[in-house]
């Protein structure tokens, strides 16, 4: 145990387990470059990023009026919207 009551980890994992070619060929994000492009888009304007994805990927019974209502430390996403996780 280190000072201050914190536990030190003794496990240091460095192995990589890449997916099979078959699995990777069916992945929605097909490469590290595609992932980086999404990350950059989200980092540039996270509200616009999530607004676009929410409209493209989710069914809304009632549309949201605001993507994010941020009152630190509280965040409300997709304010006023109604959806159903089972439907989506």
N, C-alpha and C. Protein backbone atom coordinates (compact mmCIF):
# COMPACT_ATOMS: atom_id res chain seq x y z
N UNK A 1 0.84 -1.18 0.00
CA UNK A 1 0.00 0.00 0.00
C UNK A 1 0.88 1.24 0.00
N UNK A 2 0.48 2.21 -0.78
CA UNK A 2 1.24 3.46 -0.81
C UNK A 2 0.75 4.38 0.28
N UNK A 3 1.42 5.48 0.44
CA UNK A 3 1.02 6.46 1.45
C UNK A 3 -0.35 7.04 1.09
N UNK A 4 -1.08 7.45 2.07
CA UNK A 4 -2.38 8.06 1.86
C UNK A 4 -3.51 7.06 1.71
N UNK A 5 -3.24 5.77 1.96
CA UNK A 5 -4.29 4.77 1.91
C UNK A 5 -4.66 4.30 0.51
N UNK A 6 -3.93 4.72 -0.50
CA UNK A 6 -4.23 4.31 -1.87
C UNK A 6 -3.55 2.97 -2.17
N UNK A 7 -4.26 2.13 -2.89
CA UNK A 7 -3.68 0.85 -3.29
C UNK A 7 -2.88 1.04 -4.57
N UNK A 8 -1.71 0.43 -4.61
CA UNK A 8 -0.91 0.42 -5.83
C UNK A 8 -1.31 -0.80 -6.63
N UNK A 9 -1.38 -0.66 -7.93
CA UNK A 9 -1.69 -1.81 -8.76
C UNK A 9 -0.41 -2.61 -9.00
N UNK A 10 -0.56 -3.91 -9.06
CA UNK A 10 0.60 -4.77 -9.33
C UNK A 10 0.48 -5.38 -10.72
N UNK A 11 -0.65 -5.19 -11.38
CA UNK A 11 -0.85 -5.76 -12.70
C UNK A 11 -0.53 -4.72 -13.77
N UNK A 12 0.30 -5.09 -14.68
CA UNK A 12 0.66 -4.23 -15.79
C UNK A 12 0.43 -5.02 -17.07
N UNK A 13 -0.71 -4.80 -17.70
CA UNK A 13 -1.10 -5.54 -18.90
C UNK A 13 -0.71 -4.78 -20.14
N UNK A 14 0.04 -5.39 -21.02
CA UNK A 14 0.45 -4.74 -22.25
C UNK A 14 0.11 -5.56 -23.49
N UNK A 15 -0.53 -6.71 -23.31
CA UNK A 15 -0.88 -7.53 -24.47
C UNK A 15 -2.00 -6.85 -25.27
N UNK A 16 -2.00 -7.11 -26.56
CA UNK A 16 -3.06 -6.64 -27.44
C UNK A 16 -3.79 -7.84 -28.01
N UNK A 17 -5.08 -7.71 -28.18
CA UNK A 17 -5.89 -8.79 -28.72
C UNK A 17 -6.68 -8.26 -29.92
N UNK A 18 -6.05 -8.17 -31.07
CA UNK A 18 -6.74 -7.62 -32.24
C UNK A 18 -7.89 -8.53 -32.65
N UNK A 19 -8.95 -7.92 -33.21
CA UNK A 19 -10.09 -8.72 -33.65
C UNK A 19 -9.73 -9.52 -34.90
N UNK A 20 -10.51 -10.55 -35.15
CA UNK A 20 -10.30 -11.34 -36.36
C UNK A 20 -10.63 -10.48 -37.58
N UNK A 21 -10.11 -10.85 -38.73
CA UNK A 21 -10.39 -10.13 -39.97
C UNK A 21 -11.89 -10.13 -40.26
N UNK A 22 -12.55 -11.26 -40.01
CA UNK A 22 -13.99 -11.36 -40.26
C UNK A 22 -14.76 -10.36 -39.39
N UNK A 23 -14.43 -10.31 -38.12
CA UNK A 23 -15.09 -9.37 -37.21
C UNK A 23 -14.81 -7.94 -37.63
N UNK A 24 -13.55 -7.64 -37.91
CA UNK A 24 -13.16 -6.28 -38.28
C UNK A 24 -13.84 -5.84 -39.58
N UNK A 25 -14.04 -6.75 -40.50
CA UNK A 25 -14.66 -6.39 -41.78
C UNK A 25 -16.12 -5.99 -41.62
N UNK A 26 -16.75 -6.43 -40.52
CA UNK A 26 -18.16 -6.08 -40.27
C UNK A 26 -18.33 -4.95 -39.27
N UNK A 27 -17.23 -4.40 -38.78
CA UNK A 27 -17.29 -3.35 -37.77
C UNK A 27 -17.81 -2.04 -38.37
N UNK A 28 -18.55 -1.31 -37.58
CA UNK A 28 -19.08 -0.03 -38.03
C UNK A 28 -17.97 1.01 -38.18
N UNK A 29 -17.02 1.00 -37.27
CA UNK A 29 -15.85 1.86 -37.37
C UNK A 29 -14.72 0.94 -37.81
N UNK A 30 -14.33 1.07 -39.06
CA UNK A 30 -13.49 0.06 -39.69
C UNK A 30 -11.99 0.24 -39.53
N UNK A 31 -11.57 1.37 -38.98
CA UNK A 31 -10.13 1.60 -38.85
C UNK A 31 -9.86 2.64 -37.76
N UNK A 32 -8.61 2.71 -37.38
CA UNK A 32 -8.20 3.72 -36.41
C UNK A 32 -8.38 5.11 -37.01
N UNK A 33 -8.18 5.24 -38.32
CA UNK A 33 -8.37 6.52 -38.99
C UNK A 33 -9.83 6.96 -38.91
N UNK A 34 -10.76 6.03 -39.11
CA UNK A 34 -12.19 6.35 -39.02
C UNK A 34 -12.55 6.74 -37.59
N UNK A 35 -11.98 6.04 -36.62
CA UNK A 35 -12.21 6.38 -35.22
C UNK A 35 -11.69 7.80 -34.93
N UNK A 36 -10.48 8.09 -35.41
CA UNK A 36 -9.88 9.40 -35.16
C UNK A 36 -10.72 10.51 -35.78
N UNK A 37 -11.28 10.27 -36.96
CA UNK A 37 -12.14 11.25 -37.61
C UNK A 37 -13.37 11.54 -36.75
N UNK A 38 -14.00 10.49 -36.22
CA UNK A 38 -15.15 10.68 -35.32
C UNK A 38 -14.75 11.43 -34.06
N UNK A 39 -13.63 11.05 -33.48
CA UNK A 39 -13.16 11.69 -32.26
C UNK A 39 -12.91 13.17 -32.50
N UNK A 40 -12.26 13.48 -33.62
CA UNK A 40 -11.98 14.89 -33.94
C UNK A 40 -13.27 15.68 -34.11
N UNK A 41 -14.26 15.08 -34.78
CA UNK A 41 -15.54 15.75 -34.97
C UNK A 41 -16.22 16.02 -33.64
N UNK A 42 -16.20 15.04 -32.75
CA UNK A 42 -16.81 15.20 -31.43
C UNK A 42 -16.06 16.23 -30.61
N UNK A 43 -14.76 16.23 -30.70
CA UNK A 43 -13.94 17.17 -29.94
C UNK A 43 -14.13 18.61 -30.42
N UNK A 44 -14.35 18.77 -31.71
CA UNK A 44 -14.51 20.10 -32.27
C UNK A 44 -15.80 20.77 -31.80
N UNK A 45 -16.90 20.02 -31.76
CA UNK A 45 -18.18 20.57 -31.33
C UNK A 45 -19.04 19.41 -30.84
N UNK A 46 -18.93 19.09 -29.55
CA UNK A 46 -19.59 17.89 -29.05
C UNK A 46 -21.12 17.96 -29.12
N UNK A 47 -21.72 19.13 -28.95
CA UNK A 47 -23.17 19.21 -29.04
C UNK A 47 -23.65 18.94 -30.46
N UNK A 48 -22.98 19.52 -31.45
CA UNK A 48 -23.37 19.27 -32.84
C UNK A 48 -23.15 17.81 -33.20
N UNK A 49 -22.08 17.21 -32.71
CA UNK A 49 -21.79 15.80 -32.97
C UNK A 49 -22.90 14.91 -32.44
N UNK A 50 -23.28 15.10 -31.16
CA UNK A 50 -24.31 14.25 -30.57
C UNK A 50 -25.69 14.56 -31.13
N UNK A 51 -25.94 15.79 -31.51
CA UNK A 51 -27.20 16.15 -32.15
C UNK A 51 -27.35 15.38 -33.47
N UNK A 52 -26.29 15.38 -34.27
CA UNK A 52 -26.33 14.67 -35.54
C UNK A 52 -26.56 13.18 -35.35
N UNK A 53 -25.81 12.57 -34.43
CA UNK A 53 -25.97 11.13 -34.19
C UNK A 53 -27.34 10.79 -33.62
N UNK A 54 -27.84 11.60 -32.71
CA UNK A 54 -29.15 11.33 -32.11
C UNK A 54 -30.24 11.37 -33.16
N UNK A 55 -30.14 12.29 -34.10
CA UNK A 55 -31.14 12.39 -35.17
C UNK A 55 -31.01 11.27 -36.18
N UNK A 56 -29.78 10.85 -36.47
CA UNK A 56 -29.55 9.79 -37.45
C UNK A 56 -29.86 8.40 -36.90
N UNK A 57 -29.50 8.16 -35.66
CA UNK A 57 -29.48 6.80 -35.13
C UNK A 57 -30.63 6.43 -34.21
N UNK A 58 -31.35 7.40 -33.69
CA UNK A 58 -32.39 7.10 -32.70
C UNK A 58 -33.77 7.51 -33.19
N UNK A 59 -34.76 6.76 -32.76
CA UNK A 59 -36.15 7.14 -33.02
C UNK A 59 -36.64 7.96 -31.83
N UNK A 60 -37.22 9.10 -32.10
CA UNK A 60 -37.73 9.98 -31.05
C UNK A 60 -39.25 10.04 -31.16
N UNK A 61 -39.96 9.72 -30.07
CA UNK A 61 -41.41 9.87 -30.04
C UNK A 61 -41.78 11.34 -29.94
N UNK A 62 -40.94 12.07 -29.23
CA UNK A 62 -41.05 13.53 -29.16
C UNK A 62 -39.65 14.09 -29.32
N UNK A 63 -39.46 15.03 -30.24
CA UNK A 63 -38.10 15.57 -30.44
C UNK A 63 -37.63 16.39 -29.24
N UNK A 64 -36.35 16.42 -29.05
CA UNK A 64 -35.77 17.22 -27.97
C UNK A 64 -35.69 18.68 -28.41
N UNK A 65 -35.74 19.56 -27.44
CA UNK A 65 -35.66 21.00 -27.74
C UNK A 65 -34.24 21.53 -27.61
N UNK A 66 -33.41 20.80 -26.88
CA UNK A 66 -32.02 21.23 -26.65
C UNK A 66 -31.16 19.99 -26.51
N UNK A 67 -30.00 19.99 -27.12
CA UNK A 67 -29.10 18.85 -27.02
C UNK A 67 -28.55 18.71 -25.60
N UNK A 68 -28.13 19.83 -25.02
CA UNK A 68 -27.49 19.78 -23.70
C UNK A 68 -27.87 20.99 -22.88
N UNK A 69 -28.27 20.72 -21.64
CA UNK A 69 -28.49 21.78 -20.66
C UNK A 69 -27.47 21.52 -19.56
N UNK A 70 -26.43 22.35 -19.52
CA UNK A 70 -25.30 22.14 -18.61
C UNK A 70 -25.31 23.17 -17.50
N UNK A 71 -25.67 22.71 -16.31
CA UNK A 71 -25.62 23.52 -15.10
C UNK A 71 -24.72 22.79 -14.12
N UNK A 72 -23.44 23.13 -14.16
CA UNK A 72 -22.46 22.40 -13.35
C UNK A 72 -22.93 22.20 -11.93
N UNK A 73 -22.80 21.00 -11.41
CA UNK A 73 -22.19 19.82 -11.99
C UNK A 73 -23.21 18.92 -12.71
N UNK A 74 -24.37 19.43 -13.04
CA UNK A 74 -25.43 18.60 -13.62
C UNK A 74 -25.55 18.82 -15.12
N UNK A 75 -25.77 17.73 -15.84
CA UNK A 75 -25.96 17.80 -17.29
C UNK A 75 -27.24 17.07 -17.64
N UNK A 76 -28.06 17.69 -18.47
CA UNK A 76 -29.26 17.05 -19.01
C UNK A 76 -29.11 17.00 -20.52
N UNK A 77 -29.14 15.79 -21.06
CA UNK A 77 -28.98 15.60 -22.50
C UNK A 77 -30.34 15.41 -23.15
N UNK A 78 -30.49 15.94 -24.35
CA UNK A 78 -31.69 15.78 -25.18
C UNK A 78 -32.94 16.19 -24.42
N UNK A 79 -32.90 17.41 -23.94
CA UNK A 79 -33.94 17.98 -23.06
C UNK A 79 -35.29 18.01 -23.78
N UNK A 80 -36.29 17.44 -23.13
CA UNK A 80 -37.65 17.44 -23.66
C UNK A 80 -37.94 16.29 -24.61
N UNK A 81 -36.92 15.57 -25.03
CA UNK A 81 -37.14 14.47 -25.96
C UNK A 81 -37.65 13.22 -25.28
N UNK A 82 -38.41 12.43 -26.03
CA UNK A 82 -38.89 11.15 -25.51
C UNK A 82 -38.53 10.06 -26.51
N UNK A 83 -37.88 9.05 -26.00
CA UNK A 83 -37.49 7.91 -26.82
C UNK A 83 -37.71 6.64 -26.00
N UNK A 84 -37.42 5.51 -26.58
CA UNK A 84 -37.58 4.22 -25.89
C UNK A 84 -36.38 3.38 -26.24
N UNK A 85 -35.60 3.02 -25.24
CA UNK A 85 -34.37 2.24 -25.49
C UNK A 85 -34.67 0.91 -26.16
N UNK A 86 -35.79 0.29 -25.83
CA UNK A 86 -36.13 -1.00 -26.44
C UNK A 86 -36.43 -0.84 -27.93
N UNK A 87 -37.03 0.26 -28.31
CA UNK A 87 -37.32 0.52 -29.72
C UNK A 87 -36.02 0.76 -30.48
N UNK A 88 -35.13 1.49 -29.86
CA UNK A 88 -33.87 1.81 -30.52
C UNK A 88 -32.91 0.65 -30.49
